[in-house]
Amino acid sequence: MTTKLDERQLKTLIKESMKEIISSEFMKLRAFLVPYVSAEEQKEIEQIYKKPSGKITKSYKIEI
C-alpha cells in the first residue's frame, strides 16, 4: 500500500511529531531536575504553606 503526501502535509506531520517529542523530553528533564522531597519534608512544607488547592491545571505522569 502506497500513500502519497504532498510537501505541505509531510512538513506538517514532521512538525507535529517534533513538537510531541520535544514536549515529552522537556517533561522528563523537568521531572529529573525537581529535587527529592521526603514525606517528613513534605509534611513540614504543608504545615508552613498549607495544602495546595484542589484545582489542577495540568498533570503529567512520566516514568523515567
N, C-alpha and C. Protein backbone atom coordinates (compact mmCIF):
# COMPACT_ATOMS: atom_id res chain seq x y z
N MET A 1 0.85 -1.18 0.00
CA MET A 1 0.00 0.00 0.00
C MET A 1 0.89 1.24 0.00
N THR A 2 0.67 2.12 -0.92
CA THR A 2 1.46 3.33 -1.06
C THR A 2 0.58 4.53 -0.75
N THR A 3 1.13 5.44 0.05
CA THR A 3 0.40 6.65 0.41
C THR A 3 1.17 7.84 -0.12
N LYS A 4 0.48 8.73 -0.79
CA LYS A 4 1.10 9.93 -1.32
C LYS A 4 0.84 11.10 -0.39
N LEU A 5 1.89 11.80 -0.03
CA LEU A 5 1.77 13.01 0.77
C LEU A 5 2.41 14.14 0.01
N ASP A 6 1.73 15.25 -0.04
CA ASP A 6 2.40 16.39 -0.67
C ASP A 6 3.37 17.01 0.34
N GLU A 7 4.15 17.93 -0.13
CA GLU A 7 5.21 18.51 0.69
C GLU A 7 4.66 19.19 1.94
N ARG A 8 3.55 19.87 1.83
CA ARG A 8 2.95 20.58 2.97
C ARG A 8 2.48 19.60 4.04
N GLN A 9 1.83 18.53 3.63
CA GLN A 9 1.34 17.53 4.58
C GLN A 9 2.51 16.86 5.30
N LEU A 10 3.56 16.56 4.56
CA LEU A 10 4.73 15.93 5.15
C LEU A 10 5.39 16.87 6.15
N LYS A 11 5.52 18.14 5.79
CA LYS A 11 6.11 19.13 6.68
C LYS A 11 5.27 19.27 7.95
N THR A 12 3.97 19.31 7.83
CA THR A 12 3.07 19.42 8.98
C THR A 12 3.19 18.19 9.87
N LEU A 13 3.24 17.03 9.28
CA LEU A 13 3.38 15.78 10.03
C LEU A 13 4.69 15.76 10.82
N ILE A 14 5.78 16.15 10.18
CA ILE A 14 7.08 16.18 10.85
C ILE A 14 7.08 17.21 11.97
N LYS A 15 6.51 18.38 11.71
CA LYS A 15 6.48 19.45 12.71
C LYS A 15 5.71 19.02 13.95
N GLU A 16 4.55 18.39 13.77
CA GLU A 16 3.75 17.92 14.90
C GLU A 16 4.47 16.83 15.68
N SER A 17 5.12 15.93 14.97
CA SER A 17 5.87 14.86 15.63
C SER A 17 7.02 15.43 16.46
N MET A 18 7.73 16.40 15.91
CA MET A 18 8.84 17.01 16.63
C MET A 18 8.35 17.75 17.88
N LYS A 19 7.21 18.44 17.78
CA LYS A 19 6.64 19.13 18.94
C LYS A 19 6.33 18.13 20.05
N GLU A 20 5.73 16.99 19.70
CA GLU A 20 5.41 15.96 20.69
C GLU A 20 6.66 15.41 21.35
N ILE A 21 7.67 15.14 20.55
CA ILE A 21 8.92 14.58 21.08
C ILE A 21 9.61 15.57 22.01
N ILE A 22 9.72 16.81 21.57
CA ILE A 22 10.39 17.83 22.39
C ILE A 22 9.63 18.07 23.68
N SER A 23 8.32 18.13 23.60
CA SER A 23 7.50 18.32 24.80
C SER A 23 7.71 17.17 25.78
N SER A 24 7.72 15.96 25.27
CA SER A 24 7.92 14.78 26.12
C SER A 24 9.30 14.81 26.77
N GLU A 25 10.31 15.16 26.02
CA GLU A 25 11.67 15.20 26.57
C GLU A 25 11.83 16.31 27.60
N PHE A 26 11.20 17.45 27.38
CA PHE A 26 11.28 18.54 28.36
C PHE A 26 10.57 18.15 29.66
N MET A 27 9.46 17.42 29.56
CA MET A 27 8.78 16.97 30.77
C MET A 27 9.67 16.02 31.57
N LYS A 28 10.38 15.13 30.87
CA LYS A 28 11.30 14.23 31.55
C LYS A 28 12.43 15.01 32.22
N LEU A 29 12.95 16.03 31.52
CA LEU A 29 14.02 16.84 32.07
C LEU A 29 13.55 17.59 33.31
N ARG A 30 12.35 18.16 33.26
CA ARG A 30 11.81 18.87 34.43
C ARG A 30 11.65 17.92 35.61
N ALA A 31 11.13 16.72 35.34
CA ALA A 31 10.94 15.74 36.42
C ALA A 31 12.28 15.34 37.01
N PHE A 32 13.30 15.24 36.19
CA PHE A 32 14.62 14.85 36.66
C PHE A 32 15.24 15.94 37.53
N LEU A 33 14.96 17.21 37.20
CA LEU A 33 15.58 18.33 37.90
C LEU A 33 14.85 18.72 39.19
N VAL A 34 13.66 18.21 39.40
CA VAL A 34 12.92 18.51 40.62
C VAL A 34 13.57 17.75 41.77
N PRO A 35 13.93 18.45 42.83
CA PRO A 35 14.61 17.77 43.94
C PRO A 35 13.68 16.80 44.67
N TYR A 36 14.26 15.75 45.25
CA TYR A 36 13.50 14.78 46.02
C TYR A 36 13.07 15.41 47.34
N VAL A 37 11.83 15.17 47.70
CA VAL A 37 11.30 15.67 48.97
C VAL A 37 10.78 14.47 49.75
N SER A 38 11.32 14.29 50.96
CA SER A 38 10.87 13.17 51.79
C SER A 38 9.48 13.46 52.33
N ALA A 39 8.84 12.45 52.86
CA ALA A 39 7.49 12.61 53.42
C ALA A 39 7.51 13.60 54.58
N GLU A 40 8.57 13.55 55.38
CA GLU A 40 8.69 14.47 56.52
C GLU A 40 8.83 15.93 56.05
N GLU A 41 9.65 16.13 55.02
CA GLU A 41 9.81 17.48 54.47
C GLU A 41 8.50 17.98 53.87
N GLN A 42 7.79 17.09 53.16
CA GLN A 42 6.52 17.48 52.55
C GLN A 42 5.52 17.88 53.62
N LYS A 43 5.48 17.15 54.72
CA LYS A 43 4.56 17.46 55.82
C LYS A 43 4.89 18.84 56.40
N GLU A 44 6.19 19.12 56.55
CA GLU A 44 6.62 20.42 57.08
C GLU A 44 6.24 21.55 56.12
N ILE A 45 6.42 21.32 54.84
CA ILE A 45 6.05 22.33 53.83
C ILE A 45 4.55 22.60 53.89
N GLU A 46 3.75 21.54 53.98
CA GLU A 46 2.30 21.70 54.04
C GLU A 46 1.87 22.43 55.30
N GLN A 47 2.57 22.23 56.42
CA GLN A 47 2.24 22.95 57.66
C GLN A 47 2.54 24.44 57.52
N ILE A 48 3.64 24.75 56.87
CA ILE A 48 4.03 26.16 56.72
C ILE A 48 3.16 26.86 55.67
N TYR A 49 2.99 26.24 54.51
CA TYR A 49 2.33 26.91 53.39
C TYR A 49 0.92 26.41 53.11
N LYS A 50 0.43 25.48 53.88
CA LYS A 50 -0.89 24.86 53.71
C LYS A 50 -0.91 24.01 52.45
N LYS A 51 -1.90 23.17 52.34
CA LYS A 51 -2.01 22.29 51.18
C LYS A 51 -2.45 23.11 49.97
N PRO A 52 -2.05 22.70 48.78
CA PRO A 52 -2.49 23.42 47.58
C PRO A 52 -3.98 23.21 47.35
N SER A 53 -4.57 24.12 46.61
CA SER A 53 -6.00 23.98 46.31
C SER A 53 -6.21 22.74 45.47
N GLY A 54 -7.41 22.26 45.44
CA GLY A 54 -7.74 21.06 44.68
C GLY A 54 -7.79 21.29 43.20
N LYS A 55 -7.66 22.54 42.77
CA LYS A 55 -7.74 22.86 41.35
C LYS A 55 -6.43 22.45 40.67
N ILE A 56 -6.55 21.60 39.66
CA ILE A 56 -5.39 21.14 38.91
C ILE A 56 -5.44 21.73 37.52
N THR A 57 -4.36 22.38 37.13
CA THR A 57 -4.33 22.95 35.79
C THR A 57 -3.80 21.94 34.78
N LYS A 58 -2.67 21.31 35.09
CA LYS A 58 -2.11 20.27 34.24
C LYS A 58 -1.45 19.23 35.12
N SER A 59 -1.57 18.01 34.72
CA SER A 59 -0.95 16.93 35.48
C SER A 59 -0.36 15.93 34.49
N TYR A 60 0.91 15.54 34.72
CA TYR A 60 1.57 14.57 33.88
C TYR A 60 2.14 13.47 34.74
N LYS A 61 2.11 12.27 34.21
CA LYS A 61 2.75 11.15 34.88
C LYS A 61 3.81 10.63 33.92
N ILE A 62 5.08 10.73 34.36
CA ILE A 62 6.18 10.35 33.49
C ILE A 62 7.05 9.33 34.20
N GLU A 63 7.36 8.26 33.51
CA GLU A 63 8.28 7.27 34.05
C GLU A 63 9.66 7.55 33.51
N ILE A 64 10.62 7.62 34.42
CA ILE A 64 12.00 7.91 34.00
C ILE A 64 12.82 6.65 34.12
